[in-house]
Amino acid sequence: MPKLRQYSICDIQDEVRALVERGSVGRHHRIYELSRHFGDREWQKLESLLEQNDYLLRDRVIDLVGKETWLND
């Protein structure tokens, strides 16, 4: 049986930033929409970790990834 990856909240934020940069997820989408980018078992663990860190699944992705910086303003 494959071992599930252990995530920290920083790992999740990095993964979500990458999804946003690729255009797979919009900044204004709801966090629960991220579930389609993770396996069912993996999403259960991520969901629990998000809730432990006071993120609601109805919050926006931008709340999770935080402030973004632009190099070419």
Protein backbone atom coordinates (compact mmCIF):
# COMPACT_ATOMS: atom_id res chain seq x y z
CA MET A 1 0.00 0.00 0.00
CA PRO A 2 1.53 3.38 -0.96
CA LYS A 3 2.31 5.77 1.83
CA LEU A 4 0.49 9.11 1.81
CA ARG A 5 2.59 12.23 1.74
CA GLN A 6 2.72 14.22 4.96
CA TYR A 7 1.80 17.86 4.35
CA SER A 8 2.34 21.00 6.37
CA ILE A 9 0.28 24.13 5.81
CA CYS A 10 3.31 25.65 4.02
CA ASP A 11 3.41 22.64 1.68
CA ILE A 12 -0.26 23.10 0.86
CA GLN A 13 0.24 26.81 0.20
CA ASP A 14 3.16 26.05 -2.14
CA GLU A 15 1.12 23.42 -4.02
CA VAL A 16 -1.81 25.81 -4.39
CA ARG A 17 0.46 28.65 -5.57
CA ALA A 18 1.77 26.34 -8.27
CA LEU A 19 -1.79 25.47 -9.33
CA VAL A 20 -2.66 29.18 -9.51
CA GLU A 21 0.48 29.99 -11.53
CA ARG A 22 -0.36 27.22 -14.01
CA GLY A 23 -3.91 28.52 -14.30
CA SER A 24 -5.43 25.28 -13.00
CA VAL A 25 -7.16 27.17 -10.18
CA GLY A 26 -8.29 30.77 -9.99
CA ARG A 27 -7.44 33.01 -7.05
CA HIS A 28 -11.12 33.67 -6.43
CA HIS A 29 -12.22 30.02 -6.52
CA ARG A 30 -13.31 28.41 -3.28
CA ILE A 31 -10.81 26.25 -1.40
CA TYR A 32 -13.10 23.22 -1.70
CA GLU A 33 -12.53 23.30 -5.48
CA LEU A 34 -8.93 22.22 -4.83
CA SER A 35 -10.20 18.74 -3.97
CA ARG A 36 -10.26 17.74 -7.65
CA HIS A 37 -6.47 18.21 -7.80
CA PHE A 38 -5.77 15.72 -5.01
CA GLY A 39 -6.72 12.09 -4.43
CA ASP A 40 -9.64 11.30 -2.11
CA ARG A 41 -7.52 9.98 0.75
CA GLU A 42 -5.01 12.78 0.35
CA TRP A 43 -7.77 15.41 0.29
CA GLN A 44 -9.18 14.13 3.59
CA LYS A 45 -5.86 14.81 5.28
CA LEU A 46 -5.49 18.19 3.58
CA GLU A 47 -9.01 19.19 4.55
CA SER A 48 -8.32 18.34 8.18
CA LEU A 49 -5.05 20.29 8.16
CA LEU A 50 -6.75 23.31 6.58
CA GLU A 51 -9.45 23.27 9.24
CA GLN A 52 -6.83 23.00 12.01
CA ASN A 53 -5.29 26.18 10.60
CA ASP A 54 -8.62 28.04 10.57
CA TYR A 55 -9.28 27.84 6.82
CA LEU A 56 -12.85 27.16 5.81
CA LEU A 57 -13.55 25.27 2.60
CA ARG A 58 -15.78 28.14 1.48
CA ASP A 59 -12.88 30.62 1.80
CA ARG A 60 -11.21 31.85 -1.36
CA VAL A 61 -7.95 30.38 -2.67
CA ILE A 62 -6.33 33.83 -2.36
CA ASP A 63 -6.88 33.62 1.42
CA LEU A 64 -4.79 30.47 1.45
CA VAL A 65 -1.94 31.56 -0.83
CA GLY A 66 -1.71 35.00 0.75
CA LYS A 67 -0.03 38.07 -0.61
CA GLU A 68 1.60 37.79 -4.01
CA THR A 69 4.51 39.83 -5.27
CA TRP A 70 5.05 40.91 -8.84
CA LEU A 71 8.53 41.35 -10.29
CA ASN A 72 7.47 43.40 -13.31
CA ASP A 73 5.12 46.14 -12.08
